Protein backbone atom coordinates (compact mmCIF):
# COMPACT_ATOMS: atom_id res chain seq x y z
CA GLY A 1 87.13 122.31 97.36
CA ASN A 2 86.78 118.54 97.46
CA ARG A 3 87.43 118.29 93.72
CA ARG A 4 90.60 120.38 94.05
CA LEU A 5 91.92 118.21 96.88
CA GLY A 6 91.01 115.13 94.87
CA PHE A 7 92.98 116.56 91.93
CA VAL A 8 96.05 117.13 94.15
CA PHE A 9 95.73 113.66 95.68
CA ALA A 10 95.43 112.00 92.26
CA LEU A 11 98.43 113.89 90.90
CA LEU A 12 100.53 112.88 93.91
CA CYS A 13 99.33 109.29 93.53
CA ILE A 14 100.61 109.22 89.95
CA ILE A 15 103.99 110.64 91.01
CA THR A 16 104.24 108.12 93.85
CA SER A 17 103.28 105.23 91.58
CA ILE A 18 106.25 105.98 89.34
CA THR A 19 108.75 106.75 92.14
CA MET A 20 107.93 104.48 95.07
CA GLY A 21 105.69 102.01 93.28
CA SER A 22 107.97 101.42 90.31
CA ILE A 23 111.50 102.87 90.48
CA VAL A 24 112.24 102.12 94.14
CA GLN A 25 110.85 98.58 93.88
CA SER A 26 112.73 97.87 90.67
CA ASN A 27 115.94 99.16 92.25
CA SER A 28 115.54 96.81 95.23
CA MET A 29 114.99 93.89 92.88
CA ALA A 30 118.03 94.78 90.78
CA VAL A 31 120.31 95.06 93.83
CA ALA A 32 119.17 91.69 95.17
CA PHE A 33 119.49 89.83 91.85
CA GLU A 34 122.86 91.35 91.01
CA LYS A 35 124.19 90.34 94.44
CA SER A 36 122.81 86.80 94.36
CA PHE A 37 122.84 85.81 90.70
CA GLY A 38 125.25 88.31 89.14
CA LEU A 39 122.42 89.39 86.86
CA CYS A 40 122.98 92.56 84.84
CA PRO A 41 120.58 95.31 86.05
CA TYR A 42 119.91 96.35 82.44
CA ALA A 43 118.86 92.82 81.50
CA LEU A 44 116.68 92.41 84.60
CA GLY A 45 115.12 95.84 84.13
CA THR A 46 114.29 95.13 80.49
CA VAL A 47 112.64 91.78 81.26
CA VAL A 48 110.65 93.14 84.20
CA ALA A 49 109.60 96.24 82.23
CA VAL A 50 108.25 94.11 79.36
CA LEU A 51 106.42 91.77 81.77
CA THR A 52 104.97 94.78 83.58
CA LEU A 53 103.61 96.31 80.38
CA LEU A 54 102.06 92.99 79.29
CA ILE A 55 100.38 92.42 82.65
CA ILE A 56 99.13 95.94 83.38
CA SER A 57 97.74 96.25 79.86
CA GLY A 58 95.28 93.54 80.89
CA GLY A 59 93.76 95.84 83.52
CA PHE A 60 92.81 95.28 87.15
CA SER A 61 91.55 91.71 86.69
CA SER A 62 94.91 90.70 85.22
CA VAL A 63 96.79 92.18 88.17
CA ALA A 64 94.42 90.68 90.74
CA SER A 65 94.55 87.18 89.22
CA ILE A 66 98.34 87.09 89.68
CA THR A 67 98.70 88.66 93.12
CA VAL A 68 95.74 86.92 94.78
CA ARG A 69 97.30 83.50 94.14
CA ALA A 70 101.01 84.12 94.50
CA VAL A 71 101.28 86.63 97.38
CA PRO A 72 99.84 84.27 100.06
CA VAL A 73 102.20 81.49 98.93
CA PHE A 74 105.30 83.66 99.23
CA CYS A 75 104.12 85.06 102.58
CA ILE A 76 103.67 81.54 103.97
CA VAL A 77 107.08 80.36 102.71
CA TYR A 78 108.87 83.45 104.04
CA THR A 79 107.09 83.17 107.39
CA ALA A 80 107.90 79.46 107.67
CA VAL A 81 111.62 79.94 107.00
CA SER A 82 111.82 82.89 109.41
CA LEU A 83 109.99 80.97 112.15
CA TYR A 84 112.29 77.99 111.60
CA VAL A 85 115.32 80.22 112.18
CA ILE A 86 113.80 81.87 115.26
CA LEU A 87 112.50 78.66 116.89
CA THR A 88 115.74 76.75 116.33
CA ASN A 89 117.51 79.61 118.11
CA ALA A 90 114.85 80.20 120.75
CA SER A 91 117.40 79.92 123.57
CA ARG A 92 118.93 83.21 122.39
CA LEU A 93 115.64 85.14 122.29
CA PRO A 94 116.02 86.48 125.88
CA GLU A 95 119.42 87.84 124.86
CA VAL A 96 117.91 89.54 121.81
CA MET A 97 115.02 91.02 123.81
CA ALA A 98 117.49 92.33 126.40
CA MET A 99 119.49 93.97 123.62
CA ILE A 100 116.34 95.58 122.15
CA LEU A 101 115.19 96.95 125.52
CA GLY A 102 118.72 97.90 126.57
CA ASP A 103 119.37 99.92 123.43
CA ALA A 104 115.90 101.50 123.56
CA PHE A 105 116.42 102.83 127.09
CA SER A 106 120.18 103.47 127.00
CA LEU A 107 121.70 106.86 127.79
CA LYS A 108 122.74 107.19 124.15
CA SER A 109 119.16 106.64 122.99
CA ALA A 110 117.84 109.03 125.64
CA GLY A 111 120.28 111.72 124.50
CA ALA A 112 119.21 111.28 120.90
CA GLY A 113 115.57 111.38 121.93
CA ILE A 114 115.99 114.59 123.91
CA ALA A 115 117.62 116.26 120.94
CA SER A 116 114.89 117.55 118.63
CA TYR A 117 116.88 116.43 115.61
CA GLY A 118 116.87 112.85 116.88
CA ILE A 119 113.10 112.88 117.37
CA VAL A 120 112.42 114.43 113.98
CA ARG A 121 114.77 112.03 112.22
CA ALA A 122 113.28 108.98 113.94
CA MET A 123 109.72 110.06 113.12
CA ARG A 124 110.63 111.02 109.57
CA PHE A 125 112.20 107.67 108.65
CA GLY A 126 110.02 105.54 110.91
CA VAL A 127 106.73 106.89 109.59
CA SER A 128 107.81 107.09 105.94
CA ARG A 129 109.19 103.54 105.88
CA GLY A 130 106.16 102.27 107.76
CA ILE A 131 103.82 103.76 105.17
CA LEU A 132 106.02 102.37 102.40
CA SER A 133 105.66 98.93 103.95
CA ASN A 134 101.90 98.85 104.53
CA GLU A 135 100.38 102.02 102.97
CA ALA A 136 98.40 102.57 106.18
CA GLY A 137 96.69 105.95 106.13
CA SER A 138 98.02 107.06 102.74
CA GLY A 139 94.71 106.36 100.95
CA THR A 140 96.15 104.24 98.14
CA SER A 141 95.15 100.68 99.10
CA PRO A 142 91.40 101.52 99.04
CA THR A 143 91.82 101.69 95.25
CA ALA A 144 92.47 97.94 95.30
CA HIS A 145 89.95 97.20 98.05
CA ALA A 146 87.24 99.02 96.09
CA GLY A 147 87.40 96.26 93.47
CA SER A 148 86.33 93.56 95.94
CA ASP A 149 82.92 91.88 95.82
CA THR A 150 82.21 92.15 99.55
CA SER A 151 78.77 93.31 100.63
CA SER A 152 80.05 95.63 103.36
CA PRO A 153 82.79 98.28 103.35
CA CYS A 154 83.34 97.54 107.05
CA GLU A 155 84.08 93.90 106.31
CA GLN A 156 86.59 94.91 103.64
CA GLY A 157 88.09 97.36 106.11
CA PHE A 158 88.96 94.49 108.43
CA PHE A 159 90.87 92.85 105.59
CA GLY A 160 92.79 96.10 105.25
CA ILE A 161 93.64 96.03 108.96
CA ALA A 162 94.77 92.40 108.69
CA GLU A 163 96.90 93.36 105.69
CA VAL A 164 98.79 95.95 107.75
CA PHE A 165 99.25 93.50 110.63
CA ILE A 166 100.61 90.70 108.43
CA ASP A 167 102.89 92.98 106.45
CA THR A 168 104.43 95.06 109.23
CA ILE A 169 103.86 93.39 112.59
CA LEU A 170 104.42 89.84 111.35
CA LEU A 171 106.78 89.83 108.35
CA CYS A 172 108.91 92.85 109.30
CA SER A 173 109.22 91.71 112.93
CA LEU A 174 110.24 88.20 111.85
CA THR A 175 112.92 89.68 109.61
CA ALA A 176 114.17 91.91 112.43
CA PHE A 177 114.48 88.97 114.83
CA VAL A 178 116.43 86.92 112.26
CA ILE A 179 118.82 89.84 111.72
CA LEU A 180 119.33 90.37 115.46
CA LEU A 181 119.85 86.65 116.08
CA SER A 182 122.49 86.56 113.34
CA GLY A 183 124.53 89.39 114.84
CA LYS A 184 124.96 90.86 111.34
CA TYR A 185 122.94 94.04 111.66
CA SER A 186 125.38 96.66 110.39
CA GLY A 187 125.55 97.85 106.81
CA GLU A 188 124.29 100.54 104.48
CA ASP A 189 122.03 98.39 102.30
CA ALA A 190 119.14 96.72 104.14
CA MET A 191 118.81 94.12 101.40
CA LEU A 192 122.40 92.94 101.79
CA VAL A 193 122.06 92.93 105.58
CA SER A 194 119.05 90.62 105.29
CA ILE A 195 120.87 88.29 102.91
CA ASP A 196 123.88 88.07 105.24
CA ALA A 197 121.62 87.47 108.27
CA PHE A 198 119.70 84.60 106.71
CA GLY A 199 122.99 83.25 105.38
CA VAL A 200 124.16 82.61 108.95
CA PHE A 201 121.33 80.10 109.38
CA ILE A 202 120.48 78.67 105.96
CA GLY A 203 123.87 79.00 104.32
CA ARG A 204 124.36 79.48 100.61
CA ALA A 205 120.62 79.20 99.99
CA ALA A 206 120.08 82.59 101.69
CA PRO A 207 120.91 84.87 98.72
CA TYR A 208 118.58 82.90 96.44
CA PHE A 209 115.78 82.72 99.02
CA ILE A 210 115.91 86.44 99.91
CA SER A 211 116.38 87.58 96.34
CA LEU A 212 113.48 85.53 95.00
CA SER A 213 111.26 86.69 97.88
CA VAL A 214 112.23 90.33 97.39
CA GLY A 215 111.88 89.98 93.64
CA PHE A 216 108.38 88.63 93.85
CA PHE A 217 107.13 91.09 96.49
CA ALA A 218 108.69 93.98 94.55
CA PHE A 219 107.12 92.83 91.28
CA ALA A 220 103.72 92.39 92.95
CA THR A 221 104.05 95.92 94.33
CA ILE A 222 104.99 97.28 90.90
CA ILE A 223 101.94 95.87 89.15
CA CYS A 224 99.61 96.81 92.02
CA TRP A 225 100.82 100.41 92.06
CA SER A 226 100.13 100.61 88.34
CA VAL A 227 96.45 100.13 89.18
CA TYR A 228 96.59 103.02 91.65
CA GLY A 229 98.23 105.24 89.04
CA VAL A 230 95.75 104.31 86.31
CA GLU A 231 92.75 105.02 88.54
CA ALA A 232 94.24 108.36 89.61
CA LEU A 233 94.83 109.26 85.96
CA ARG A 234 91.24 108.31 85.08
CA PHE A 235 90.08 110.81 87.70
CA LEU A 236 92.28 113.55 86.24
CA LEU A 237 91.16 112.83 82.68
CA ASP A 238 87.42 112.88 83.43
CA ASP A 239 87.04 116.58 82.68
CA TYR A 240 89.39 116.79 79.71
CA PHE A 241 89.63 113.60 77.68
CA LYS A 242 86.93 111.24 76.44
CA GLY A 243 86.80 108.19 74.19
CA GLU A 244 89.85 107.41 72.09
CA LYS A 245 91.94 110.26 73.50
CA ARG A 246 91.36 108.91 76.99
CA GLY A 247 92.53 105.45 75.91
CA ILE A 248 95.68 106.91 74.35
CA MET A 249 96.53 108.80 77.56
CA LEU A 250 96.07 105.67 79.67
CA PHE A 251 98.29 103.69 77.28
CA LEU A 252 100.99 106.38 77.44
CA TYR A 253 100.91 106.22 81.25
CA ARG A 254 101.29 102.43 81.19
CA LEU A 255 104.18 102.75 78.74
CA LEU A 256 105.88 105.44 80.87
CA TYR A 257 105.29 103.33 83.98
CA SER A 258 106.93 100.29 82.37
CA LEU A 259 109.90 102.38 81.22
CA SER A 260 110.32 103.67 84.77
CA VAL A 261 110.77 100.04 85.86
CA LEU A 262 113.78 99.80 83.56
CA LEU A 263 115.05 103.16 84.81
CA GLY A 264 114.76 102.05 88.43
CA ALA A 265 116.93 99.00 87.82
CA VAL A 266 119.90 101.03 86.59
CA ILE A 267 119.95 104.29 88.59
CA PRO A 268 120.50 105.08 92.29
CA ALA A 269 117.15 105.34 94.06
CA SER A 270 118.13 108.00 96.64
CA VAL A 271 116.52 110.93 94.82
CA MET A 272 113.34 108.94 94.22
CA TRP A 273 113.13 108.09 97.93
CA GLU A 274 113.04 111.80 98.78
CA LEU A 275 110.40 112.59 96.15
CA SER A 276 108.21 109.60 97.04
CA ASP A 277 108.45 110.35 100.78
CA LEU A 278 107.23 113.90 100.14
CA SER A 279 104.33 112.86 97.89
CA VAL A 280 103.21 110.08 100.25
CA ALA A 281 103.37 112.46 103.23
CA VAL A 282 101.02 114.97 101.56
CA MET A 283 98.68 112.18 100.42
CA THR A 284 98.56 110.81 103.98
CA VAL A 285 97.74 114.23 105.44
CA ILE A 286 94.87 114.70 102.95
CA ASN A 287 93.51 111.19 103.46
CA CYS A 288 93.73 111.21 107.26
CA GLY A 289 92.06 114.61 107.32
CA TYR A 290 89.08 113.21 105.42
CA ILE A 291 88.98 110.12 107.63
CA LEU A 292 88.66 112.38 110.67
CA TYR A 293 86.02 114.45 108.88
CA LEU A 294 84.01 111.29 108.10
CA SER A 295 84.68 109.60 111.45
CA GLY A 296 81.03 109.92 112.53
CA GLU A 297 79.80 108.18 109.38
CA ILE A 298 82.48 105.51 109.71
CA LYS A 299 81.47 104.81 113.33
CA SER A 300 77.81 104.61 112.36
CA ASP A 301 78.50 102.10 109.55
CA THR A 302 80.74 100.04 111.82
CA ASP A 303 78.14 99.91 114.61
CA LYS A 304 75.50 98.89 112.07
CA TYR A 305 77.75 96.12 110.70
CA PHE A 306 78.35 94.64 114.16
CA SER A 307 74.68 94.86 115.08
CA GLN A 308 73.83 92.71 112.04
CA THR A 309 76.44 90.03 112.67
């Protein structure tokens, strides 16, 4: 039973790595760079695909050596610019908070909330985009955390919690406040809305700042998700392929993954959103079910960790 569920989870992880981890991220990067720099999506996709293949062919250590240094730097820069915008417009924060609370408890919002369709739609997009942002509960990030050299799984778990907080509570909230302060919060493409919002405060530098930030975070996500996909494929191959055949299959996955980066830059990502949302939803259900099943063991390990510190 456990092996079968593991097989399903691994298969879904591979699908999600190619859809959400590669195609969706590449598409976001292409939209941002075409808007800001006028860069041809085909050219960007080709360059990023080649870089992806070169990096992921080096394995987990290659991926980790890049992300562990660069991600904190980009997070700090993005946070600093966002805080600068918010603090220099602090006098308008009460107005923004009033707008947030007013819209949340308005009659229009109440009507939408009472309607079952409104609740389902809000949960569907809220939960799926939240998991896309921080991977909380989906069971994918432990693949990366498992490669750490910490002496305690509990200690590493706290890093995972901090990761979710920084990603969603901090960075996403800062972005939301900048958008609300700008007054430019309407539009179909969230990327273009963000560029326009930052443009109100930092002028012509906004497209370059947002595009470079998005480009880096998307690229870091692409190469990290390749690790998840490779480890899931290793699990699937255990019973069927050994030695050289196993190496060939892993290479073919890396090649397919890199080609999907090019594909993502030049096609609409709407279909991939639907497929990735479905695969992540099933993965999250499986993972959360096992977390509940192992909750007693988790509590015991956590109590033991705190008793030793």
